[in-house]
Amino acid sequence: MTELKNCPAPAKLNLFLHVNGRRADGYHLLQTVFQILDHGDTLHFTLRDDSALRRVTDLPGVPEQSDLIIRAARLLQAEVLRRTGALPRGVDIAIDKVLPMGGGVGGGSSDAATTLMALNRLWNAGLNKQELMDLGLPLGADIPFFIFGETAFAEGVGETLQPVSAPECWYVVIEPGVMVPTAAIFGSEHLTRSTPVVNITDFSSHSITLGFGRNDLQQVATKLFPQVAEAVEWLGAYGDARMTGSGACVFSAVATEADADAVLAKVPARWQAWKAKALHRHPLNEILGARL
């Protein structure tokens, strides 16, 4: 095998996001439920004849060598060298980019996770799922979830994951047109950091997706970025709406694709908006043919 084409890097939503405290090292303790969607970026991997790792698609504002895609590939390449004593072949990586930066839908983390999973197969590296999750965590707290690859109740800094059931539904997602820097939200003095800890059964007992909890980061983000507040208010007219992650994207659950289309038809032209179906498992698992 010399290439892997059309590898999905799906978006995620945080169905709720509670901040329970802060560790001594400054990292925040969180609880959330991650939901994978059938909408996202697509990556293509082709082996080279040398050992270079190249992103062959230009992404404005994202230098190649600082891109999480290349950083993830570099980490795995070094791990293969450490284990085998041989440096695996380099890779050209192309990306069809659709997920927004700073949108809270996990675009960069999902791209990195797909890179780790795809190259693990392309290089016959043989790392198991947990080893890939551990490798990816230093790059981003959301990366282990995408490698975990199914709807998950997450704790800690987001790396402690348990499978959880969530309602089968569709989502309408609005991109308010701003990029929200995660550090600005978590660093705010107005952020609530003392939400009581909940149990996985507390979430599972709710029959509707947005019937539980809240996003503790939303209050800070909407104060700093009025565009996010406006999107929450507008979408809230069609059902419960909230922000995902640290923002900026805002979402609402609907029962059917037709319901999603009806809302999308009314979204103001100043916003990008899209629909997506909830997925139970990461779609790359089907392409790779087996679970990691």
Protein backbone atom coordinates (compact mmCIF):
# COMPACT_ATOMS: atom_id res chain seq x y z
CA MET A 1 0.00 0.00 0.00
CA THR A 2 1.45 3.35 -1.07
CA GLU A 3 -1.50 5.68 -0.50
CA LEU A 4 -4.67 6.23 1.46
CA LYS A 5 -7.18 8.55 -0.15
CA ASN A 6 -10.41 10.15 1.06
CA CYS A 7 -9.75 9.76 4.78
CA PRO A 8 -12.43 11.62 6.76
CA ALA A 9 -11.59 14.00 9.59
CA PRO A 10 -15.06 14.65 11.02
CA ALA A 11 -16.30 17.55 13.09
CA LYS A 12 -17.32 17.14 16.71
CA LEU A 13 -19.74 18.91 18.98
CA ASN A 14 -19.60 19.30 22.74
CA LEU A 15 -23.17 18.48 23.74
CA PHE A 16 -22.38 20.08 27.09
CA LEU A 17 -19.13 21.35 28.57
CA HIS A 18 -18.63 21.90 32.31
CA VAL A 19 -15.50 23.32 33.94
CA ASN A 20 -15.08 21.62 37.32
CA GLY A 21 -11.77 23.06 38.50
CA ARG A 22 -8.18 23.80 37.63
CA ARG A 23 -5.06 21.71 38.11
CA ALA A 24 -1.86 23.02 39.65
CA ASP A 25 -0.29 23.13 36.17
CA GLY A 26 -3.02 25.49 34.95
CA TYR A 27 -4.98 22.99 32.87
CA HIS A 28 -8.72 23.03 33.46
CA LEU A 29 -10.68 19.99 34.63
CA LEU A 30 -13.62 19.38 32.33
CA GLN A 31 -16.60 17.16 31.77
CA THR A 32 -18.21 16.95 28.36
CA VAL A 33 -19.88 14.66 25.86
CA PHE A 34 -18.22 14.56 22.44
CA GLN A 35 -20.44 13.84 19.44
CA ILE A 36 -18.99 12.95 16.01
CA LEU A 37 -20.73 14.36 12.93
CA ASP A 38 -20.90 13.26 9.30
CA HIS A 39 -19.33 16.53 8.14
CA GLY A 40 -15.67 17.40 8.08
CA ASP A 41 -12.34 17.65 6.30
CA THR A 42 -10.91 14.98 4.00
CA LEU A 43 -7.22 14.01 3.93
CA HIS A 44 -5.18 12.14 1.31
CA PHE A 45 -1.85 10.42 2.04
CA THR A 46 0.75 9.34 -0.53
CA LEU A 47 4.10 7.77 0.38
CA ARG A 48 7.26 9.48 -0.87
CA ASP A 49 10.60 8.00 -1.87
CA ASP A 50 12.39 9.99 0.84
CA SER A 51 11.62 10.62 4.52
CA ALA A 52 10.13 14.13 4.15
CA LEU A 53 6.71 14.96 5.58
CA ARG A 54 4.94 17.50 3.39
CA ARG A 55 1.54 19.15 3.38
CA VAL A 56 0.94 19.76 -0.30
CA THR A 57 -2.17 21.90 0.20
CA ASP A 58 -1.80 25.57 1.05
CA LEU A 59 -3.80 26.63 4.11
CA PRO A 60 -3.74 30.42 4.56
CA GLY A 61 -2.65 31.39 8.06
CA VAL A 62 -1.39 27.90 8.92
CA PRO A 63 2.33 27.44 8.20
CA GLU A 64 3.11 23.90 7.07
CA GLN A 65 5.63 23.02 9.78
CA SER A 66 3.41 24.25 12.64
CA ASP A 67 0.28 22.51 11.30
CA LEU A 68 -1.02 19.79 13.64
CA ILE A 69 -1.12 17.46 10.62
CA ILE A 70 2.64 17.66 10.14
CA ARG A 71 3.37 17.70 13.86
CA ALA A 72 1.31 14.53 14.32
CA ALA A 73 3.05 12.83 11.41
CA ARG A 74 6.43 13.84 12.81
CA LEU A 75 5.58 12.36 16.21
CA LEU A 76 4.51 9.04 14.75
CA GLN A 77 7.50 8.88 12.42
CA ALA A 78 9.82 9.38 15.40
CA GLU A 79 7.96 6.72 17.38
CA VAL A 80 8.32 4.21 14.54
CA LEU A 81 12.05 5.00 14.36
CA ARG A 82 12.35 4.50 18.11
CA ARG A 83 10.60 1.14 17.99
CA THR A 84 12.13 -0.31 14.83
CA GLY A 85 15.37 1.57 14.28
CA ALA A 86 14.19 2.39 10.75
CA LEU A 87 12.75 5.69 9.55
CA PRO A 88 9.51 5.16 7.60
CA ARG A 89 9.03 6.71 4.19
CA GLY A 90 7.91 10.29 3.98
CA VAL A 91 4.39 11.29 3.04
CA ASP A 92 2.67 13.93 0.94
CA ILE A 93 -0.53 15.00 2.69
CA ALA A 94 -3.31 16.83 0.86
CA ILE A 95 -6.40 18.17 2.60
CA ASP A 96 -9.85 19.25 1.48
CA LYS A 97 -10.48 21.80 4.24
CA VAL A 98 -14.04 22.71 5.14
CA LEU A 99 -14.06 23.01 8.94
CA PRO A 100 -13.41 26.52 10.29
CA MET A 101 -10.43 27.43 12.44
CA GLY A 102 -11.35 28.58 15.93
CA GLY A 103 -14.83 27.18 15.52
CA GLY A 104 -14.95 24.71 18.40
CA VAL A 105 -15.71 21.79 16.08
CA GLY A 106 -12.27 20.21 16.43
CA GLY A 107 -10.98 20.75 12.90
CA GLY A 108 -7.25 20.80 13.63
CA SER A 109 -7.46 18.04 16.23
CA SER A 110 -9.54 15.85 13.93
CA ASP A 111 -7.04 16.34 11.10
CA ALA A 112 -4.21 15.31 13.42
CA ALA A 113 -6.09 12.25 14.67
CA THR A 114 -6.88 11.11 11.13
CA THR A 115 -3.21 11.59 10.25
CA LEU A 116 -2.12 9.38 13.15
CA MET A 117 -4.65 6.66 12.33
CA ALA A 118 -3.98 6.67 8.58
CA LEU A 119 -0.18 6.71 8.85
CA ASN A 120 -0.28 4.01 11.51
CA ARG A 121 -1.84 1.81 8.83
CA LEU A 122 0.15 3.13 5.87
CA TRP A 123 3.45 2.61 7.70
CA ASN A 124 2.33 -0.69 9.28
CA ALA A 125 3.42 0.86 12.57
CA GLY A 126 1.22 -1.41 14.68
CA LEU A 127 0.35 1.04 17.46
CA ASN A 128 -2.91 0.23 19.23
CA LYS A 129 -5.65 2.76 19.89
CA GLN A 130 -4.47 3.70 23.38
CA GLU A 131 -0.89 4.18 22.19
CA LEU A 132 -2.07 6.53 19.44
CA MET A 133 -4.25 8.42 21.93
CA ASP A 134 -1.29 8.86 24.27
CA LEU A 135 0.90 10.00 21.38
CA GLY A 136 -1.62 12.60 20.26
CA LEU A 137 -2.58 14.06 23.64
CA PRO A 138 0.39 16.47 23.95
CA LEU A 139 -0.67 18.04 20.65
CA GLY A 140 -4.25 18.69 21.70
CA ALA A 141 -6.74 17.56 24.32
CA ASP A 142 -9.39 16.70 21.70
CA ILE A 143 -7.14 14.39 19.67
CA PRO A 144 -7.58 11.32 21.92
CA PHE A 145 -11.36 11.53 21.46
CA PHE A 146 -11.15 11.36 17.67
CA ILE A 147 -8.87 8.31 17.92
CA PHE A 148 -11.22 6.79 20.53
CA GLY A 149 -13.68 7.12 17.73
CA GLU A 150 -17.16 7.00 19.24
CA THR A 151 -19.58 9.18 21.17
CA ALA A 152 -17.87 9.70 24.51
CA PHE A 153 -18.29 11.08 27.99
CA ALA A 154 -14.98 12.83 28.71
CA GLU A 155 -13.34 13.96 31.93
CA GLY A 156 -9.97 15.26 33.11
CA VAL A 157 -8.57 17.58 30.45
CA GLY A 158 -10.62 15.60 27.96
CA GLU A 159 -8.48 12.46 27.79
CA THR A 160 -10.47 10.16 30.12
CA LEU A 161 -13.16 8.72 27.86
CA GLN A 162 -16.11 6.36 28.23
CA PRO A 163 -18.57 5.34 25.50
CA VAL A 164 -22.01 6.85 25.93
CA SER A 165 -25.23 6.75 23.97
CA ALA A 166 -26.65 9.98 22.57
CA PRO A 167 -29.87 10.57 20.64
CA GLU A 168 -29.91 9.92 16.91
CA CYS A 169 -30.62 13.30 15.39
CA TRP A 170 -29.47 15.98 13.00
CA TYR A 171 -27.75 19.23 13.86
CA VAL A 172 -27.81 22.69 12.37
CA VAL A 173 -24.46 24.44 12.85
CA ILE A 174 -23.83 28.15 12.32
CA GLU A 175 -20.38 29.66 11.82
CA PRO A 176 -20.66 33.25 13.12
CA GLY A 177 -17.65 34.39 11.11
CA VAL A 178 -15.17 34.94 13.94
CA MET A 179 -12.27 32.86 15.20
CA VAL A 180 -12.38 32.46 18.97
CA PRO A 181 -8.94 31.90 20.57
CA THR A 182 -9.23 29.15 23.17
CA ALA A 183 -6.66 30.79 25.47
CA ALA A 184 -8.73 33.96 25.70
CA ILE A 185 -11.75 32.01 26.93
CA PHE A 186 -9.98 29.77 29.44
CA GLY A 187 -7.89 32.67 30.69
CA SER A 188 -10.84 34.93 31.44
CA GLU A 189 -11.43 35.95 35.04
CA HIS A 190 -15.16 35.63 34.35
CA LEU A 191 -15.03 31.92 33.52
CA THR A 192 -16.97 29.67 35.89
CA ARG A 193 -14.59 26.98 37.15
CA SER A 194 -16.67 25.36 39.88
CA THR A 195 -19.53 23.51 38.19
CA PRO A 196 -20.37 20.40 40.26
CA VAL A 197 -19.16 17.07 38.92
CA VAL A 198 -21.84 14.96 37.22
CA ASN A 199 -22.06 11.24 36.44
CA ILE A 200 -22.36 9.63 33.04
CA THR A 201 -25.80 8.34 34.02
CA ASP A 202 -26.94 11.92 34.62
CA PHE A 203 -26.41 12.62 30.93
CA SER A 204 -27.72 9.27 29.70
CA SER A 205 -31.04 9.77 31.48
CA HIS A 206 -31.94 12.66 29.19
CA SER A 207 -33.83 11.77 26.02
CA ILE A 208 -32.95 14.94 24.11
CA THR A 209 -29.48 16.08 23.14
CA LEU A 210 -29.56 19.56 24.66
CA GLY A 211 -31.68 18.68 27.67
CA PHE A 212 -28.65 18.38 29.91
CA GLY A 213 -26.08 20.80 31.26
CA ARG A 214 -24.67 23.84 29.53
CA ASN A 215 -21.45 25.14 28.02
CA ASP A 216 -19.60 27.01 30.77
CA LEU A 217 -17.43 28.74 28.16
CA GLN A 218 -20.38 30.26 26.35
CA GLN A 219 -20.97 33.14 28.77
CA VAL A 220 -17.39 34.35 28.35
CA ALA A 221 -17.34 33.88 24.57
CA THR A 222 -20.60 35.73 23.99
CA LYS A 223 -19.34 38.70 26.02
CA LEU A 224 -16.08 38.87 24.06
CA PHE A 225 -17.61 38.11 20.66
CA PRO A 226 -21.07 39.61 20.06
CA GLN A 227 -21.34 37.64 16.81
CA VAL A 228 -21.51 34.42 18.83
CA ALA A 229 -24.21 35.84 21.08
CA GLU A 230 -26.20 36.89 18.03
CA ALA A 231 -25.98 33.39 16.52
CA VAL A 232 -27.10 31.77 19.80
CA GLU A 233 -30.07 34.11 20.01
CA TRP A 234 -31.09 33.63 16.38
CA LEU A 235 -30.81 29.83 16.37
CA GLY A 236 -32.51 29.67 19.76
CA ALA A 237 -35.74 30.75 18.07
CA TYR A 238 -35.90 27.29 16.45
CA GLY A 239 -35.01 25.20 19.52
CA ASP A 240 -32.38 24.96 22.23
CA ALA A 241 -29.09 26.38 20.93
CA ARG A 242 -25.64 26.55 22.42
CA MET A 243 -22.00 27.03 21.53
CA THR A 244 -19.65 24.10 21.01
CA GLY A 245 -16.21 23.94 22.62
CA SER A 246 -14.68 27.34 23.21
CA GLY A 247 -16.56 28.66 20.16
CA ALA A 248 -17.36 30.12 17.80
CA CYS A 249 -19.78 27.66 16.18
CA VAL A 250 -23.33 27.46 17.51
CA PHE A 251 -25.60 24.45 17.08
CA SER A 252 -29.08 23.12 17.66
CA ALA A 253 -30.47 19.59 17.46
CA VAL A 254 -33.41 18.70 15.21
CA ALA A 255 -35.17 15.41 14.68
CA THR A 256 -34.87 14.97 10.91
CA GLU A 257 -32.91 16.13 7.90
CA ALA A 258 -36.03 17.89 6.66
CA ASP A 259 -36.17 19.85 9.90
CA ALA A 260 -32.53 20.83 9.43
CA ASP A 261 -33.21 21.96 5.85
CA ALA A 262 -36.11 24.10 7.04
CA VAL A 263 -33.90 25.97 9.51
CA LEU A 264 -31.01 26.30 7.04
CA ALA A 265 -33.32 27.93 4.53
CA LYS A 266 -33.84 30.80 6.97
CA VAL A 267 -30.24 31.39 8.08
CA PRO A 268 -29.14 34.96 7.30
CA ALA A 269 -26.73 35.22 4.37
CA ARG A 270 -24.04 36.80 6.56
CA TRP A 271 -23.38 33.42 8.18
CA GLN A 272 -22.09 30.11 6.91
CA ALA A 273 -24.32 27.26 8.08
CA TRP A 274 -24.54 23.53 7.51
CA LYS A 275 -26.34 20.40 8.61
CA ALA A 276 -24.87 17.17 9.88
CA LYS A 277 -26.08 13.84 11.16
CA ALA A 278 -24.89 12.43 14.47
CA LEU A 279 -22.56 9.44 14.04
CA HIS A 280 -21.93 6.70 16.59
CA ARG A 281 -18.45 5.88 15.25
CA HIS A 282 -15.59 7.57 13.44
CA PRO A 283 -16.06 6.95 9.68
CA LEU A 284 -12.36 6.24 9.16
CA ASN A 285 -12.81 2.92 10.96
CA GLU A 286 -14.81 1.61 8.01
CA ILE A 287 -12.13 2.69 5.53
CA LEU A 288 -9.35 1.07 7.54
CA GLY A 289 -11.45 -2.09 7.78
CA ALA A 290 -10.97 -2.74 11.47
CA ARG A 291 -10.83 -1.03 14.80
CA LEU A 292 -7.39 0.10 15.94
